[in-house]
PDB file of all heavy atoms in Angstrom:
ATOM      1  N   THR A   1       7.966  45.910   9.283  1.00  0.00           N
ATOM      2  CA  THR A   1       7.656  46.190   7.903  1.00  0.00           C
ATOM      3  C   THR A   1       6.561  45.401   7.326  1.00  0.00           C
ATOM      4  O   THR A   1       5.708  45.825   6.629  1.00  0.00           O
ATOM      5  CB  THR A   1       9.020  46.036   7.035  1.00  0.00           C
ATOM      6  OG1 THR A   1      10.052  46.817   7.547  1.00  0.00           O
ATOM      7  CG2 THR A   1       8.730  46.320   5.560  1.00  0.00           C
ATOM      8  N   GLY A   2       6.633  44.107   7.732  1.00  0.00           N
ATOM      9  CA  GLY A   2       5.550  43.139   7.279  1.00  0.00           C
ATOM     10  C   GLY A   2       4.154  43.595   7.810  1.00  0.00           C
ATOM     11  O   GLY A   2       3.224  43.577   7.048  1.00  0.00           O
ATOM     12  N   ALA A   3       4.173  43.977   9.074  1.00  0.00           N
ATOM     13  CA  ALA A   3       2.791  44.423   9.647  1.00  0.00           C
ATOM     14  C   ALA A   3       2.354  45.759   9.022  1.00  0.00           C
ATOM     15  O   ALA A   3       1.172  46.001   8.829  1.00  0.00           O
ATOM     16  CB  ALA A   3       2.986  44.647  11.151  1.00  0.00           C
ATOM     17  N   PHE A   4       3.319  46.647   8.633  1.00  0.00           N
ATOM     18  CA  PHE A   4       2.950  47.833   8.030  1.00  0.00           C
ATOM     19  C   PHE A   4       2.299  47.660   6.646  1.00  0.00           C
ATOM     20  O   PHE A   4       1.321  48.105   6.294  1.00  0.00           O
ATOM     21  CB  PHE A   4       4.192  48.770   7.839  1.00  0.00           C
ATOM     22  CG  PHE A   4       4.241  49.892   8.889  1.00  0.00           C
ATOM     23  CD1 PHE A   4       4.846  49.691  10.044  1.00  0.00           C
ATOM     24  CD2 PHE A   4       3.699  51.106   8.670  1.00  0.00           C
ATOM     25  CE1 PHE A   4       4.925  50.658  11.058  1.00  0.00           C
ATOM     26  CE2 PHE A   4       3.624  52.101   9.576  1.00  0.00           C
ATOM     27  CZ  PHE A   4       4.329  51.893  10.845  1.00  0.00           C
ATOM     28  N   PHE A   5       2.955  46.747   5.857  1.00  0.00           N
ATOM     29  CA  PHE A   5       2.429  46.433   4.516  1.00  0.00           C
ATOM     30  C   PHE A   5       0.997  45.811   4.674  1.00  0.00           C
ATOM     31  O   PHE A   5       0.086  46.057   3.944  1.00  0.00           O
ATOM     32  CB  PHE A   5       3.337  45.515   3.780  1.00  0.00           C
ATOM     33  CG  PHE A   5       4.465  46.222   3.050  1.00  0.00           C
ATOM     34  CD1 PHE A   5       5.773  45.955   3.343  1.00  0.00           C
ATOM     35  CD2 PHE A   5       4.137  47.118   2.081  1.00  0.00           C
ATOM     36  CE1 PHE A   5       6.786  46.699   2.702  1.00  0.00           C
ATOM     37  CE2 PHE A   5       5.160  47.793   1.456  1.00  0.00           C
ATOM     38  CZ  PHE A   5       6.454  47.568   1.703  1.00  0.00           C
ATOM     39  N   ALA A   6       0.838  44.860   5.673  1.00  0.00           N
ATOM     40  CA  ALA A   6      -0.377  44.137   5.863  1.00  0.00           C
ATOM     41  C   ALA A   6      -1.524  45.195   6.335  1.00  0.00           C
ATOM     42  O   ALA A   6      -2.667  45.045   5.977  1.00  0.00           O
ATOM     43  CB  ALA A   6      -0.220  43.095   6.905  1.00  0.00           C
ATOM     44  N   SER A   7      -1.093  46.278   7.094  1.00  0.00           N
ATOM     45  CA  SER A   7      -2.078  47.218   7.498  1.00  0.00           C
ATOM     46  C   SER A   7      -2.854  47.877   6.422  1.00  0.00           C
ATOM     47  O   SER A   7      -3.944  48.272   6.571  1.00  0.00           O
ATOM     48  CB  SER A   7      -1.345  48.217   8.436  1.00  0.00           C
ATOM     49  OG  SER A   7      -0.586  49.152   7.609  1.00  0.00           O
ATOM     50  N   ILE A   8      -2.222  48.014   5.232  1.00  0.00           N
ATOM     51  CA  ILE A   8      -2.941  48.688   4.026  1.00  0.00           C
ATOM     52  C   ILE A   8      -4.206  47.891   3.768  1.00  0.00           C
ATOM     53  O   ILE A   8      -5.282  48.567   3.397  1.00  0.00           O
ATOM     54  CB  ILE A   8      -1.984  48.667   2.845  1.00  0.00           C
ATOM     55  CG1 ILE A   8      -0.682  49.425   3.220  1.00  0.00           C
ATOM     56  CG2 ILE A   8      -2.699  49.250   1.657  1.00  0.00           C
ATOM     57  CD1 ILE A   8       0.488  49.192   2.245  1.00  0.00           C
ATOM     58  N   PHE A   9      -4.196  46.601   3.956  1.00  0.00           N
ATOM     59  CA  PHE A   9      -5.370  45.733   3.569  1.00  0.00           C
ATOM     60  C   PHE A   9      -6.130  45.332   4.923  1.00  0.00           C
ATOM     61  O   PHE A   9      -7.388  45.291   4.838  1.00  0.00           O
ATOM     62  CB  PHE A   9      -4.944  44.583   2.793  1.00  0.00           C
ATOM     63  CG  PHE A   9      -4.138  44.899   1.588  1.00  0.00           C
ATOM     64  CD1 PHE A   9      -2.729  44.698   1.659  1.00  0.00           C
ATOM     65  CD2 PHE A   9      -4.683  45.360   0.432  1.00  0.00           C
ATOM     66  CE1 PHE A   9      -1.925  45.004   0.551  1.00  0.00           C
ATOM     67  CE2 PHE A   9      -3.959  45.656  -0.581  1.00  0.00           C
ATOM     68  CZ  PHE A   9      -2.587  45.532  -0.584  1.00  0.00           C
ATOM     69  N   LEU A  10      -5.420  45.165   5.928  1.00  0.00           N
ATOM     70  CA  LEU A  10      -6.115  44.642   7.183  1.00  0.00           C
ATOM     71  C   LEU A  10      -6.895  45.701   7.844  1.00  0.00           C
ATOM     72  O   LEU A  10      -7.926  45.441   8.438  1.00  0.00           O
ATOM     73  CB  LEU A  10      -5.060  44.069   8.117  1.00  0.00           C
ATOM     74  CG  LEU A  10      -4.428  42.671   7.794  1.00  0.00           C
ATOM     75  CD1 LEU A  10      -3.428  42.289   8.802  1.00  0.00           C
ATOM     76  CD2 LEU A  10      -5.613  41.631   7.689  1.00  0.00           C
ATOM     77  N   ALA A  11      -6.383  46.967   7.864  1.00  0.00           N
ATOM     78  CA  ALA A  11      -7.072  48.025   8.528  1.00  0.00           C
ATOM     79  C   ALA A  11      -8.469  48.213   7.991  1.00  0.00           C
ATOM     80  O   ALA A  11      -9.448  48.276   8.779  1.00  0.00           O
ATOM     81  CB  ALA A  11      -6.232  49.327   8.440  1.00  0.00           C
ATOM     82  N   PRO A  12      -8.645  48.367   6.678  1.00  0.00           N
ATOM     83  CA  PRO A  12     -10.055  48.491   6.181  1.00  0.00           C
ATOM     84  C   PRO A  12     -10.911  47.318   6.490  1.00  0.00           C
ATOM     85  O   PRO A  12     -12.052  47.429   6.835  1.00  0.00           O
ATOM     86  CB  PRO A  12      -9.823  48.602   4.674  1.00  0.00           C
ATOM     87  CG  PRO A  12      -8.405  49.083   4.460  1.00  0.00           C
ATOM     88  CD  PRO A  12      -7.595  48.486   5.568  1.00  0.00           C
ATOM     89  N   PHE A  13     -10.363  46.109   6.449  1.00  0.00           N
ATOM     90  CA  PHE A  13     -11.118  44.864   6.666  1.00  0.00           C
ATOM     91  C   PHE A  13     -11.505  44.889   8.118  1.00  0.00           C
ATOM     92  O   PHE A  13     -12.743  44.585   8.390  1.00  0.00           O
ATOM     93  CB  PHE A  13     -10.212  43.703   6.445  1.00  0.00           C
ATOM     94  CG  PHE A  13     -10.870  42.397   6.858  1.00  0.00           C
ATOM     95  CD1 PHE A  13     -11.862  41.782   6.069  1.00  0.00           C
ATOM     96  CD2 PHE A  13     -10.455  41.676   8.014  1.00  0.00           C
ATOM     97  CE1 PHE A  13     -12.529  40.597   6.546  1.00  0.00           C
ATOM     98  CE2 PHE A  13     -11.022  40.526   8.470  1.00  0.00           C
ATOM     99  CZ  PHE A  13     -12.028  39.979   7.631  1.00  0.00           C
ATOM    100  N   ILE A  14     -10.637  45.227   9.092  1.00  0.00           N
ATOM    101  CA  ILE A  14     -10.942  45.124  10.564  1.00  0.00           C
ATOM    102  C   ILE A  14     -12.025  46.153  10.898  1.00  0.00           C
ATOM    103  O   ILE A  14     -12.959  45.863  11.590  1.00  0.00           O
ATOM    104  CB  ILE A  14      -9.675  45.371  11.373  1.00  0.00           C
ATOM    105  CG1 ILE A  14      -8.771  44.172  11.273  1.00  0.00           C
ATOM    106  CG2 ILE A  14     -10.012  45.618  12.825  1.00  0.00           C
ATOM    107  CD1 ILE A  14      -7.324  44.393  11.835  1.00  0.00           C
ATOM    108  N   VAL A  15     -11.811  47.372  10.429  1.00  0.00           N
ATOM    109  CA  VAL A  15     -12.779  48.421  10.698  1.00  0.00           C
ATOM    110  C   VAL A  15     -14.128  48.139  10.135  1.00  0.00           C
ATOM    111  O   VAL A  15     -15.118  48.310  10.760  1.00  0.00           O
ATOM    112  CB  VAL A  15     -12.286  49.843  10.267  1.00  0.00           C
ATOM    113  CG1 VAL A  15     -13.308  50.903  10.371  1.00  0.00           C
ATOM    114  CG2 VAL A  15     -10.969  50.250  10.989  1.00  0.00           C
ATOM    115  N   ASN A  16     -14.210  47.723   8.904  1.00  0.00           N
ATOM    116  CA  ASN A  16     -15.398  47.367   8.265  1.00  0.00           C
ATOM    117  C   ASN A  16     -16.164  46.195   8.971  1.00  0.00           C
ATOM    118  O   ASN A  16     -17.364  46.169   9.123  1.00  0.00           O
ATOM    119  CB  ASN A  16     -15.161  47.044   6.774  1.00  0.00           C
ATOM    120  CG  ASN A  16     -16.492  46.910   5.923  1.00  0.00           C
ATOM    121  OD1 ASN A  16     -17.279  47.841   5.983  1.00  0.00           O
ATOM    122  ND2 ASN A  16     -16.672  45.740   5.352  1.00  0.00           N
ATOM    123  N   THR A  17     -15.368  45.232   9.385  1.00  0.00           N
ATOM    124  CA  THR A  17     -16.014  44.039  10.100  1.00  0.00           C
ATOM    125  C   THR A  17     -16.541  44.338  11.371  1.00  0.00           C
ATOM    126  O   THR A  17     -17.604  43.943  11.777  1.00  0.00           O
ATOM    127  CB  THR A  17     -14.860  42.908  10.206  1.00  0.00           C
ATOM    128  OG1 THR A  17     -14.456  42.579   8.951  1.00  0.00           O
ATOM    129  CG2 THR A  17     -15.472  41.656  10.892  1.00  0.00           C
ATOM    130  N   PHE A  18     -15.822  45.132  12.257  1.00  0.00           N
ATOM    131  CA  PHE A  18     -16.289  45.382  13.614  1.00  0.00           C
ATOM    132  C   PHE A  18     -17.013  46.722  13.826  1.00  0.00           C
ATOM    133  O   PHE A  18     -17.479  47.012  14.850  1.00  0.00           O
ATOM    134  CB  PHE A  18     -15.101  45.262  14.561  1.00  0.00           C
ATOM    135  CG  PHE A  18     -14.501  43.961  14.623  1.00  0.00           C
ATOM    136  CD1 PHE A  18     -13.371  43.574  13.844  1.00  0.00           C
ATOM    137  CD2 PHE A  18     -15.070  42.926  15.463  1.00  0.00           C
ATOM    138  CE1 PHE A  18     -12.826  42.298  13.939  1.00  0.00           C
ATOM    139  CE2 PHE A  18     -14.549  41.603  15.560  1.00  0.00           C
ATOM    140  CZ  PHE A  18     -13.369  41.345  14.723  1.00  0.00           C
ATOM    141  N   ALA A  19     -17.073  47.549  12.758  1.00  0.00           N
ATOM    142  CA  ALA A  19     -17.797  48.727  12.908  1.00  0.00           C
ATOM    143  C   ALA A  19     -18.807  48.890  11.683  1.00  0.00           C
ATOM    144  O   ALA A  19     -19.087  49.956  11.181  1.00  0.00           O
ATOM    145  CB  ALA A  19     -16.859  49.981  12.908  1.00  0.00           C
ATOM    146  N   ASN A  20     -19.312  47.761  11.281  1.00  0.00           N
ATOM    147  CA  ASN A  20     -20.102  47.692  10.149  1.00  0.00           C
ATOM    148  C   ASN A  20     -21.485  48.468  10.411  1.00  0.00           C
ATOM    149  O   ASN A  20     -21.996  48.341  11.529  1.00  0.00           O
ATOM    150  CB  ASN A  20     -20.488  46.216   9.824  1.00  0.00           C
ATOM    151  CG  ASN A  20     -21.193  46.079   8.510  1.00  0.00           C
ATOM    152  OD1 ASN A  20     -20.988  46.776   7.509  1.00  0.00           O
ATOM    153  ND2 ASN A  20     -21.930  45.068   8.279  1.00  0.00           N
ATOM    154  N   GLY A  21     -21.924  49.168   9.393  1.00  0.00           N
ATOM    155  CA  GLY A  21     -23.193  49.851   9.578  1.00  0.00           C
ATOM    156  C   GLY A  21     -23.000  51.362  10.137  1.00  0.00           C
ATOM    157  O   GLY A  21     -23.930  52.010  10.357  1.00  0.00           O
ATOM    158  N   GLN A  22     -21.759  51.732  10.250  1.00  0.00           N
ATOM    159  CA  GLN A  22     -21.445  53.129  10.749  1.00  0.00           C
ATOM    160  C   GLN A  22     -21.262  54.121   9.583  1.00  0.00           C
ATOM    161  O   GLN A  22     -20.790  55.286   9.844  1.00  0.00           O
ATOM    162  CB  GLN A  22     -20.214  53.110  11.673  1.00  0.00           C
ATOM    163  CG  GLN A  22     -20.476  52.285  12.875  1.00  0.00           C
ATOM    164  CD  GLN A  22     -21.725  52.699  13.632  1.00  0.00           C
ATOM    165  OE1 GLN A  22     -21.881  53.895  14.007  1.00  0.00           O
ATOM    166  NE2 GLN A  22     -22.627  51.753  13.936  1.00  0.00           N
ATOM    167  N   GLY A  23     -21.498  53.718   8.358  1.00  0.00           N
ATOM    168  CA  GLY A  23     -21.397  54.557   7.212  1.00  0.00           C
ATOM    169  C   GLY A  23     -19.887  54.757   6.789  1.00  0.00           C
ATOM    170  O   GLY A  23     -19.637  55.673   6.063  1.00  0.00           O
ATOM    171  N   ILE A  24     -19.021  53.901   7.367  1.00  0.00           N
ATOM    172  CA  ILE A  24     -17.620  53.986   7.049  1.00  0.00           C
ATOM    173  C   ILE A  24     -17.398  53.057   5.871  1.00  0.00           C
ATOM    174  O   ILE A  24     -17.680  51.861   5.868  1.00  0.00           O
ATOM    175  CB  ILE A  24     -16.698  53.560   8.161  1.00  0.00           C
ATOM    176  CG1 ILE A  24     -17.079  54.418   9.448  1.00  0.00           C
ATOM    177  CG2 ILE A  24     -15.239  53.627   7.795  1.00  0.00           C
ATOM    178  CD1 ILE A  24     -16.846  55.931   9.219  1.00  0.00           C
ATOM    179  N   LYS A  25     -16.883  53.648   4.715  1.00  0.00           N
ATOM    180  CA  LYS A  25     -16.593  52.821   3.546  1.00  0.00           C
ATOM    181  C   LYS A  25     -15.170  52.350   3.526  1.00  0.00           C
ATOM    182  O   LYS A  25     -14.233  53.084   3.933  1.00  0.00           O
ATOM    183  CB  LYS A  25     -16.856  53.608   2.260  1.00  0.00           C
ATOM    184  CG  LYS A  25     -18.272  54.025   2.083  1.00  0.00           C
ATOM    185  CD  LYS A  25     -18.519  54.939   0.851  1.00  0.00           C
ATOM    186  CE  LYS A  25     -19.923  55.299   0.747  1.00  0.00           C
ATOM    187  NZ  LYS A  25     -20.198  56.127  -0.478  1.00  0.00           N
ATOM    188  N   PRO A  26     -14.906  51.049   3.239  1.00  0.00           N
ATOM    189  CA  PRO A  26     -13.546  50.512   3.192  1.00  0.00           C
ATOM    190  C   PRO A  26     -12.600  51.393   2.398  1.00  0.00           C
ATOM    191  O   PRO A  26     -11.412  51.570   2.754  1.00  0.00           O
ATOM    192  CB  PRO A  26     -13.715  49.118   2.594  1.00  0.00           C
ATOM    193  CG  PRO A  26     -15.091  48.739   2.893  1.00  0.00           C
ATOM    194  CD  PRO A  26     -15.884  49.994   2.869  1.00  0.00           C
ATOM    195  N   ILE A  27     -13.109  52.017   1.386  1.00  0.00           N
ATOM    196  CA  ILE A  27     -12.264  52.812   0.419  1.00  0.00           C
ATOM    197  C   ILE A  27     -11.727  54.090   1.236  1.00  0.00           C
ATOM    198  O   ILE A  27     -10.612  54.547   0.928  1.00  0.00           O
ATOM    199  CB  ILE A  27     -13.046  53.255  -0.803  1.00  0.00           C
ATOM    200  CG1 ILE A  27     -12.062  53.859  -1.879  1.00  0.00           C
ATOM    201  CG2 ILE A  27     -14.176  54.222  -0.514  1.00  0.00           C
ATOM    202  CD1 ILE A  27     -10.993  52.971  -2.342  1.00  0.00           C
ATOM    203  N   GLN A  28     -12.501  54.599   2.197  1.00  0.00           N
ATOM    204  CA  GLN A  28     -12.129  55.635   3.007  1.00  0.00           C
ATOM    205  C   GLN A  28     -10.827  55.383   3.824  1.00  0.00           C
ATOM    206  O   GLN A  28      -9.899  56.137   3.864  1.00  0.00           O
ATOM    207  CB  GLN A  28     -13.177  56.135   4.017  1.00  0.00           C
ATOM    208  CG  GLN A  28     -14.378  56.828   3.392  1.00  0.00           C
ATOM    209  CD  GLN A  28     -15.410  57.117   4.487  1.00  0.00           C
ATOM    210  OE1 GLN A  28     -16.375  56.441   4.626  1.00  0.00           O
ATOM    211  NE2 GLN A  28     -15.195  58.256   5.157  1.00  0.00           N
ATOM    212  N   ILE A  29     -10.875  54.103   4.424  1.00  0.00           N
ATOM    213  CA  ILE A  29      -9.725  53.689   5.216  1.00  0.00           C
ATOM    214  C   ILE A  29      -8.645  53.343   4.347  1.00  0.00           C
ATOM    215  O   ILE A  29      -7.430  53.687   4.670  1.00  0.00           O
ATOM    216  CB  ILE A  29     -10.106  52.481   6.053  1.00  0.00           C
ATOM    217  CG1 ILE A  29     -11.550  52.819   6.766  1.00  0.00           C
ATOM    218  CG2 ILE A  29      -9.134  52.237   7.111  1.00  0.00           C
ATOM    219  CD1 ILE A  29     -12.233  51.540   7.309  1.00  0.00           C
ATOM    220  N   PHE A  30      -8.898  52.785   3.240  1.00  0.00           N
ATOM    221  CA  PHE A  30      -7.707  52.451   2.262  1.00  0.00           C
ATOM    222  C   PHE A  30      -7.050  53.704   1.828  1.00  0.00           C
ATOM    223  O   PHE A  30      -5.831  53.685   1.793  1.00  0.00           O
ATOM    224  CB  PHE A  30      -8.318  51.686   1.023  1.00  0.00           C
ATOM    225  CG  PHE A  30      -7.295  51.163   0.111  1.00  0.00           C
ATOM    226  CD1 PHE A  30      -6.546  50.138   0.439  1.00  0.00           C
ATOM    227  CD2 PHE A  30      -7.012  51.875  -1.102  1.00  0.00           C
ATOM    228  CE1 PHE A  30      -5.501  49.591  -0.443  1.00  0.00           C
ATOM    229  CE2 PHE A  30      -6.104  51.431  -1.995  1.00  0.00           C
ATOM    230  CZ  PHE A  30      -5.344  50.257  -1.664  1.00  0.00           C
ATOM    231  N   VAL A  31      -7.731  54.743   1.530  1.00  0.00           N
ATOM    232  CA  VAL A  31      -7.166  55.998   1.153  1.00  0.00           C
ATOM    233  C   VAL A  31      -6.317  56.537   2.230  1.00  0.00           C
ATOM    234  O   VAL A  31      -5.211  57.003   2.074  1.00  0.00           O
ATOM    235  CB  VAL A  31      -8.208  57.003   0.771  1.00  0.00           C
ATOM    236  CG1 VAL A  31      -7.565  58.425   0.525  1.00  0.00           C
ATOM    237  CG2 VAL A  31      -8.839  56.618  -0.634  1.00  0.00           C
ATOM    238  N   THR A  32      -6.803  56.424   3.455  1.00  0.00           N
ATOM    239  CA  THR A  32      -6.046  56.916   4.655  1.00  0.00           C
ATOM    240  C   THR A  32      -4.731  56.147   4.731  1.00  0.00           C
ATOM    241  O   THR A  32      -3.682  56.655   5.036  1.00  0.00           O
ATOM    242  CB  THR A  32      -6.914  56.666   5.993  1.00  0.00           C
ATOM    243  OG1 THR A  32      -8.044  57.484   5.861  1.00  0.00           O
ATOM    244  CG2 THR A  32      -6.083  57.125   7.094  1.00  0.00           C
ATOM    245  N   MET A  33      -4.854  54.757   4.505  1.00  0.00           N
ATOM    246  CA  MET A  33      -3.631  53.936   4.609  1.00  0.00           C
ATOM    247  C   MET A  33      -2.595  54.377   3.571  1.00  0.00           C
ATOM    248  O   MET A  33      -1.366  54.394   3.852  1.00  0.00           O
ATOM    249  CB  MET A  33      -3.973  52.455   4.479  1.00  0.00           C
ATOM    250  CG  MET A  33      -4.907  51.962   5.522  1.00  0.00           C
ATOM    251  SD  MET A  33      -4.435  52.331   7.160  1.00  0.00           S
ATOM    252  CE  MET A  33      -2.914  51.289   7.314  1.00  0.00           C
ATOM    253  N   ILE A  34      -3.101  54.740   2.368  1.00  0.00           N
ATOM    254  CA  ILE A  34      -2.225  55.244   1.356  1.00  0.00           C
ATOM    255  C   ILE A  34      -1.423  56.508   1.804  1.00  0.00           C
ATOM    256  O   ILE A  34      -0.270  56.630   1.638  1.00  0.00           O
ATOM    257  CB  ILE A  34      -2.882  55.514   0.052  1.00  0.00           C
ATOM    258  CG1 ILE A  34      -3.466  54.204  -0.565  1.00  0.00           C
ATOM    259  CG2 ILE A  34      -1.958  56.125  -0.988  1.00  0.00           C
ATOM    260  CD1 ILE A  34      -2.533  53.185  -1.001  1.00  0.00           C
ATOM    261  N   GLN A  35      -2.218  57.428   2.352  1.00  0.00           N
ATOM    262  CA  GLN A  35      -1.743  58.693   2.816  1.00  0.00           C
ATOM    263  C   GLN A  35      -0.790  58.561   3.954  1.00  0.00           C
ATOM    264  O   GLN A  35       0.276  59.299   4.029  1.00  0.00           O
ATOM    265  CB  GLN A  35      -2.938  59.624   3.235  1.00  0.00           C
ATOM    266  CG  GLN A  35      -3.818  60.010   2.100  1.00  0.00           C
ATOM    267  CD  GLN A  35      -5.074  60.818   2.643  1.00  0.00           C
ATOM    268  OE1 GLN A  35      -5.586  60.528   3.636  1.00  0.00           O
ATOM    269  NE2 GLN A  35      -5.407  61.832   1.826  1.00  0.00           N
ATOM    270  N   LEU A  36      -1.048  57.677   4.870  1.00  0.00           N
ATOM    271  CA  LEU A  36      -0.253  57.595   6.182  1.00  0.00           C
ATOM    272  C   LEU A  36       0.640  56.409   6.186  1.00  0.00           C
ATOM    273  O   LEU A  36       1.412  56.390   7.177  1.00  0.00           O
ATOM    274  CB  LEU A  36      -1.203  57.656   7.313  1.00  0.00           C
ATOM    275  CG  LEU A  36      -2.059  58.902   7.395  1.00  0.00           C
ATOM    276  CD1 LEU A  36      -3.014  58.810   8.652  1.00  0.00           C
ATOM    277  CD2 LEU A  36      -1.261  60.153   7.483  1.00  0.00           C
TER     278      LEU A  36
END
């Protein structure tokens, strides 16, 4: 449960940090985390 809650914020941060410059906006991933 802790890791799931953290994923809402960590997933956008991780993808944005290691895939920077790929046109992926953190808000896109954040919306995905809300949905899923």
